[in-house]
């Protein structure tokens, strides 16, 4: 990921509804959610949500797949990984132990108890 791609992703996440939608999709990996369900869960009109999902898609943070008449959206974990690595790759200055608390916090947030948290 280069700086331009990182800025696009960060700009997409800098809006509350898009951030909520992205986090919701991350929690629903690997199944994803239909667009209508995302709108319902976030209490956002479908046409407005469609615009937000398009921003996230252009930023490489979500993917979509048509299933009959509905579109199922999934978080792009590769896009999230690329953004996270871009943000953190220079943070350690050659001392990886500096980043250990960040890595440990990420691992802790992936525990089964956290994943089952209701929206």
Protein backbone atom coordinates (compact mmCIF):
# COMPACT_ATOMS: atom_id res chain seq x y z
CA UNK A 1 0.00 0.00 0.00
CA UNK A 2 1.31 3.42 -0.86
CA UNK A 3 0.50 6.75 0.75
CA UNK A 4 -2.23 7.57 -1.77
CA UNK A 5 -4.04 4.27 -1.10
CA UNK A 6 -3.65 4.74 2.67
CA UNK A 7 -5.12 8.23 2.49
CA UNK A 8 -8.08 6.94 0.47
CA UNK A 9 -8.74 4.19 3.05
CA UNK A 10 -8.35 6.54 6.00
CA UNK A 11 -10.65 9.11 4.38
CA UNK A 12 -13.26 6.40 3.81
CA UNK A 13 -13.09 5.41 7.49
CA UNK A 14 -13.16 9.04 8.68
CA UNK A 15 -16.96 9.17 8.38
CA UNK A 16 -18.99 7.69 11.28
CA UNK A 17 -21.46 5.62 9.22
CA UNK A 18 -18.70 4.16 7.03
CA UNK A 19 -16.60 3.33 10.08
CA UNK A 20 -19.60 1.64 11.72
CA UNK A 21 -20.35 -0.30 8.52
CA UNK A 22 -16.76 -1.45 8.15
CA UNK A 23 -16.54 -2.58 11.78
CA UNK A 24 -19.88 -4.38 11.42
CA UNK A 25 -18.60 -6.23 8.36
CA UNK A 26 -15.36 -7.18 10.12
CA UNK A 27 -17.45 -8.69 12.93
CA UNK A 28 -19.45 -10.69 10.36
CA UNK A 29 -16.49 -12.25 8.60
CA UNK A 30 -16.38 -14.56 6.74
CA UNK A 31 -20.12 -14.67 5.94
CA UNK A 32 -20.63 -10.98 5.23
CA UNK A 33 -23.99 -9.24 5.22
CA UNK A 34 -26.51 -8.24 2.57
CA UNK A 35 -26.72 -4.51 1.91
CA UNK A 36 -30.27 -4.30 3.29
CA UNK A 37 -29.21 -5.94 6.55
CA UNK A 38 -26.33 -3.48 6.96
CA UNK A 39 -28.80 -0.61 6.45
CA UNK A 40 -31.22 -2.11 8.95
CA UNK A 41 -28.61 -2.82 11.63
CA UNK A 42 -27.14 0.67 11.35
CA UNK A 43 -30.52 2.37 10.89
CA UNK A 44 -29.41 4.12 7.71
CA UNK A 45 -31.59 4.50 4.58
CA UNK A 46 -30.61 2.00 1.88
CA UNK A 47 -29.73 4.61 -0.75
CA UNK A 48 -27.48 6.43 1.74
CA UNK A 49 -25.85 3.16 2.79
CA UNK A 50 -25.22 2.29 -0.85
CA UNK A 51 -23.16 5.49 -1.20
CA UNK A 52 -21.17 4.70 1.94
CA UNK A 53 -20.51 1.14 0.80
CA UNK A 54 -19.29 2.45 -2.56
CA UNK A 55 -16.75 4.67 -0.75
CA UNK A 56 -15.48 1.72 1.27
CA UNK A 57 -15.29 -0.43 -1.85
CA UNK A 58 -13.28 2.17 -3.80
CA UNK A 59 -10.91 2.38 -0.84
CA UNK A 60 -10.32 -1.40 -1.01
CA UNK A 61 -11.79 -2.01 2.44
CA UNK A 62 -14.82 -4.08 1.43
CA UNK A 63 -15.80 -6.49 -1.35
CA UNK A 64 -19.21 -7.30 -2.74
CA UNK A 65 -20.73 -10.35 -4.37
CA UNK A 66 -24.11 -10.66 -6.00
CA UNK A 67 -26.34 -13.46 -4.70
CA UNK A 68 -29.48 -13.60 -6.80
CA UNK A 69 -31.21 -10.26 -6.16
CA UNK A 70 -29.10 -9.12 -3.23
CA UNK A 71 -25.52 -7.97 -2.84
CA UNK A 72 -23.53 -9.42 0.04
CA UNK A 73 -20.72 -7.27 1.39
CA UNK A 74 -17.65 -8.53 3.19
CA UNK A 75 -14.76 -6.75 4.83
CA UNK A 76 -11.54 -6.96 2.86
CA UNK A 77 -9.23 -8.28 5.53
CA UNK A 78 -6.39 -7.91 3.03
CA UNK A 79 -7.20 -4.20 2.73
CA UNK A 80 -7.30 -3.87 6.52
CA UNK A 81 -4.00 -5.74 6.81
CA UNK A 82 -2.36 -3.54 4.19
CA UNK A 83 -3.55 -0.36 5.91
CA UNK A 84 -2.45 -1.60 9.34
CA UNK A 85 0.98 -2.61 8.04
CA UNK A 86 1.34 0.74 6.26
CA UNK A 87 0.53 2.57 9.49
CA UNK A 88 2.80 0.46 11.70
CA UNK A 89 5.74 -0.62 9.54
CA UNK A 90 7.90 2.36 10.53
CA UNK A 91 6.70 2.68 14.11
CA UNK A 92 9.27 0.41 15.69
CA UNK A 93 12.42 2.08 14.39
CA UNK A 94 14.20 -1.28 14.33
CA UNK A 95 12.93 -2.21 17.81
CA UNK A 96 10.01 -4.63 17.36
CA UNK A 97 9.39 -4.79 21.11
CA UNK A 98 7.96 -1.28 20.90
CA UNK A 99 5.05 -2.63 18.83
CA UNK A 100 4.42 -5.64 21.08
CA UNK A 101 1.69 -3.91 23.13
CA UNK A 102 -0.17 -3.00 19.93
CA UNK A 103 0.09 -6.55 18.59
CA UNK A 104 -1.03 -7.98 21.95
CA UNK A 105 -4.06 -5.68 21.99
CA UNK A 106 -5.03 -6.83 18.50
CA UNK A 107 -4.69 -10.49 19.53
CA UNK A 108 -6.79 -9.87 22.65
CA UNK A 109 -9.58 -8.25 20.61
CA UNK A 110 -9.82 -11.40 18.46
CA UNK A 111 -10.81 -13.64 21.35
CA UNK A 112 -13.99 -15.71 20.88
CA UNK A 113 -15.74 -13.70 23.60
CA UNK A 114 -15.14 -10.44 21.74
CA UNK A 115 -16.29 -11.89 18.39
CA UNK A 116 -19.66 -12.90 19.81
CA UNK A 117 -20.43 -9.39 20.97
CA UNK A 118 -23.82 -8.24 19.68
CA UNK A 119 -24.07 -5.14 17.53
